[in-house]
C-alpha atoms as a PDB file:
ATOM      1  CA  MET A   1      -0.023   0.000   0.098  1.00  0.00           C
ATOM      2  CA  LYS A   2       1.340   3.451  -1.070  1.00  0.00           C
ATOM      3  CA  LYS A   3       1.612   6.234   1.361  1.00  0.00           C
ATOM      4  CA  PHE A   4       1.190   9.877  -0.080  1.00  0.00           C
ATOM      5  CA  TYR A   5       2.334  12.393   2.426  1.00  0.00           C
ATOM      6  CA  GLY A   6       0.828  15.594   2.111  1.00  0.00           C
ATOM      7  CA  TYR A   7      -2.427  14.516   1.103  1.00  0.00           C
ATOM      8  CA  LEU A   8      -5.814  14.089   2.774  1.00  0.00           C
ATOM      9  CA  LYS A   9      -8.728  11.457   2.100  1.00  0.00           C
ATOM     10  CA  PRO A  10     -12.095  12.926   1.971  1.00  0.00           C
ATOM     11  CA  TRP A  11     -13.083  11.567   5.059  1.00  0.00           C
ATOM     12  CA  GLU A  12      -9.928  13.467   6.711  1.00  0.00           C
ATOM     13  CA  VAL A  13     -10.724  16.685   5.306  1.00  0.00           C
ATOM     14  CA  SER A  14     -14.495  16.152   6.902  1.00  0.00           C
ATOM     15  CA  ARG A  15     -12.809  15.640  10.240  1.00  0.00           C
ATOM     16  CA  TYR A  16     -10.466  18.673   9.780  1.00  0.00           C
ATOM     17  CA  LEU A  17     -13.104  21.012   8.455  1.00  0.00           C
ATOM     18  CA  GLY A  18     -15.791  19.569  10.954  1.00  0.00           C
ATOM     19  CA  ILE A  19     -18.675  18.957   8.340  1.00  0.00           C
ATOM     20  CA  ARG A  20     -20.046  15.850   7.220  1.00  0.00           C
ATOM     21  CA  LEU A  21     -18.336  13.773   4.574  1.00  0.00           C
ATOM     22  CA  GLU A  22     -21.430  13.911   2.253  1.00  0.00           C
ATOM     23  CA  GLU A  23     -20.804  17.524   2.409  1.00  0.00           C
ATOM     24  CA  VAL A  24     -17.206  17.103   1.586  1.00  0.00           C
ATOM     25  CA  GLU A  25     -17.809  15.108  -1.187  1.00  0.00           C
ATOM     26  CA  LYS A  26     -20.274  17.527  -2.599  1.00  0.00           C
ATOM     27  CA  MET A  27     -17.863  20.199  -2.521  1.00  0.00           C
ATOM     28  CA  LEU A  28     -15.243  17.939  -4.166  1.00  0.00           C
ATOM     29  CA  GLU A  29     -17.601  17.176  -7.041  1.00  0.00           C
ATOM     30  CA  ARG A  30     -18.249  20.922  -7.639  1.00  0.00           C
ATOM     31  CA  GLU A  31     -14.698  21.563  -7.579  1.00  0.00           C
ATOM     32  CA  GLU A  32     -15.368  24.003  -4.642  1.00  0.00           C
ATOM     33  CA  LEU A  33     -12.121  22.296  -2.688  1.00  0.00           C
ATOM     34  CA  PRO A  34      -8.899  21.659  -4.018  1.00  0.00           C
ATOM     35  CA  SER A  35      -8.323  18.337  -4.992  1.00  0.00           C
ATOM     36  CA  THR A  36      -6.246  15.800  -7.203  1.00  0.00           C
ATOM     37  CA  LEU A  37      -6.389  12.087  -8.331  1.00  0.00           C
ATOM     38  CA  ILE A  38      -3.803   9.892  -6.978  1.00  0.00           C
ATOM     39  CA  ASP A  39      -4.045   6.234  -8.541  1.00  0.00           C
ATOM     40  CA  GLY A  40      -7.964   6.925  -8.990  1.00  0.00           C
ATOM     41  CA  ASN A  41      -8.536   8.402  -5.677  1.00  0.00           C
ATOM     42  CA  VAL A  42      -9.493  11.634  -4.855  1.00  0.00           C
ATOM     43  CA  ARG A  43      -7.098  13.491  -2.631  1.00  0.00           C
ATOM     44  CA  VAL A  44      -6.732  17.085  -0.888  1.00  0.00           C
ATOM     45  CA  PRO A  45      -3.112  18.445  -0.934  1.00  0.00           C
ATOM     46  CA  TRP A  46      -2.768  19.464   2.405  1.00  0.00           C
ATOM     47  CA  ASP A  47      -0.839  22.982   1.445  1.00  0.00           C
ATOM     48  CA  LYS A  48      -3.727  23.600  -1.131  1.00  0.00           C
ATOM     49  CA  LEU A  49      -6.354  23.163   1.581  1.00  0.00           C
ATOM     50  CA  GLU A  50      -4.495  25.583   3.823  1.00  0.00           C
ATOM     51  CA  ALA A  51      -4.274  28.067   1.178  1.00  0.00           C
ATOM     52  CA  TRP A  52      -7.796  27.802   0.471  1.00  0.00           C
ATOM     53  CA  LEU A  53      -8.943  28.319   4.047  1.00  0.00           C
ATOM     54  CA  ASP A  54      -6.310  31.414   4.296  1.00  0.00           C
ATOM     55  CA  GLU A  55      -7.835  33.008   1.191  1.00  0.00           C
ATOM     56  CA  GLU A  56      -9.686  36.345   1.220  1.00  0.00           C
ATOM     57  CA  VAL A  57     -13.397  35.224   2.018  1.00  0.00           C
ATOM     58  CA  ASN A  58     -15.833  37.134  -0.003  1.00  0.00           C
ATOM     59  CA  GLU A  59     -19.699  37.289   0.183  1.00  0.00           C
ATOM     60  CA  SER A  60     -20.295  34.370  -2.267  1.00  0.00           C
ATOM     61  CA  SER A  61     -17.810  32.291  -0.437  1.00  0.00           C
ATOM     62  CA  ILE A  62     -19.674  32.678   2.672  1.00  0.00           C
ATOM     63  CA  HIS A  63     -22.999  31.905   1.242  1.00  0.00           C
ATOM     64  CA  GLN A  64     -21.555  28.840  -0.505  1.00  0.00           C
ATOM     65  CA  LEU A  65     -19.850  27.583   2.660  1.00  0.00           C
ATOM     66  CA  SER A  66     -23.054  28.235   5.078  1.00  0.00           C
ATOM     67  CA  GLN A  67     -24.952  25.928   2.665  1.00  0.00           C
ATOM     68  CA  HIS A  68     -22.972  23.101   3.831  1.00  0.00           C
ATOM     69  CA  LEU A  69     -23.385  23.672   7.698  1.00  0.00           C
ATOM     70  CA  LYS A  70     -26.572  22.232   9.417  1.00  0.00           C
ATOM     71  CA  ASP A  71     -28.685  24.986  11.143  1.00  0.00           C
ATOM     72  CA  VAL A  72     -27.727  27.720   9.274  1.00  0.00           C
ATOM     73  CA  GLU A  73     -30.625  29.916   7.918  1.00  0.00           C
ATOM     74  CA  HIS A  74     -30.109  32.420   4.985  1.00  0.00           C
ATOM     75  CA  GLU A  75     -31.265  35.234   7.080  1.00  0.00           C
ATOM     76  CA  ASP A  76     -28.352  34.585   9.565  1.00  0.00           C
ATOM     77  CA  VAL A  77     -25.851  34.686   6.681  1.00  0.00           C
ATOM     78  CA  ALA A  78     -27.376  37.809   5.387  1.00  0.00           C
ATOM     79  CA  SER A  79     -27.324  39.543   8.759  1.00  0.00           C
ATOM     80  CA  PHE A  80     -23.738  38.528   9.503  1.00  0.00           C
ATOM     81  CA  LEU A  81     -22.808  39.942   6.142  1.00  0.00           C
ATOM     82  CA  SER A  82     -24.529  43.350   6.562  1.00  0.00           C
ATOM     83  CA  ASP A  83     -22.865  43.642   9.899  1.00  0.00           C
ATOM     84  CA  HIS A  84     -19.641  42.851   8.806  1.00  0.00           C
ATOM     85  CA  LYS A  85     -19.220  44.740   5.560  1.00  0.00           C
ATOM     86  CA  ASN A  86     -16.093  46.562   4.855  1.00  0.00           C
ATOM     87  CA  PRO A  87     -16.399  50.157   4.201  1.00  0.00           C
ATOM     88  CA  THR A  88     -14.953  50.438   0.400  1.00  0.00           C
END
């Protein structure tokens, strides 16, 4: 069995992000998370996941991520965004 260091399996991403595996799989299918194929298996490069998490978050990405979280209402996200808008 080959070991590939620096890559996470989807269930490991699920545990790390604190969201259900099914949600991680949906995000991977929609190419919302960085991924690569290794021997036909989807893996998430650790460094790209960290960079993805460190990216500047915009309003669209907050809405997108909130859809993957249970018990998050659209109104709550809209309220959060209106309370935290950066003056431009």
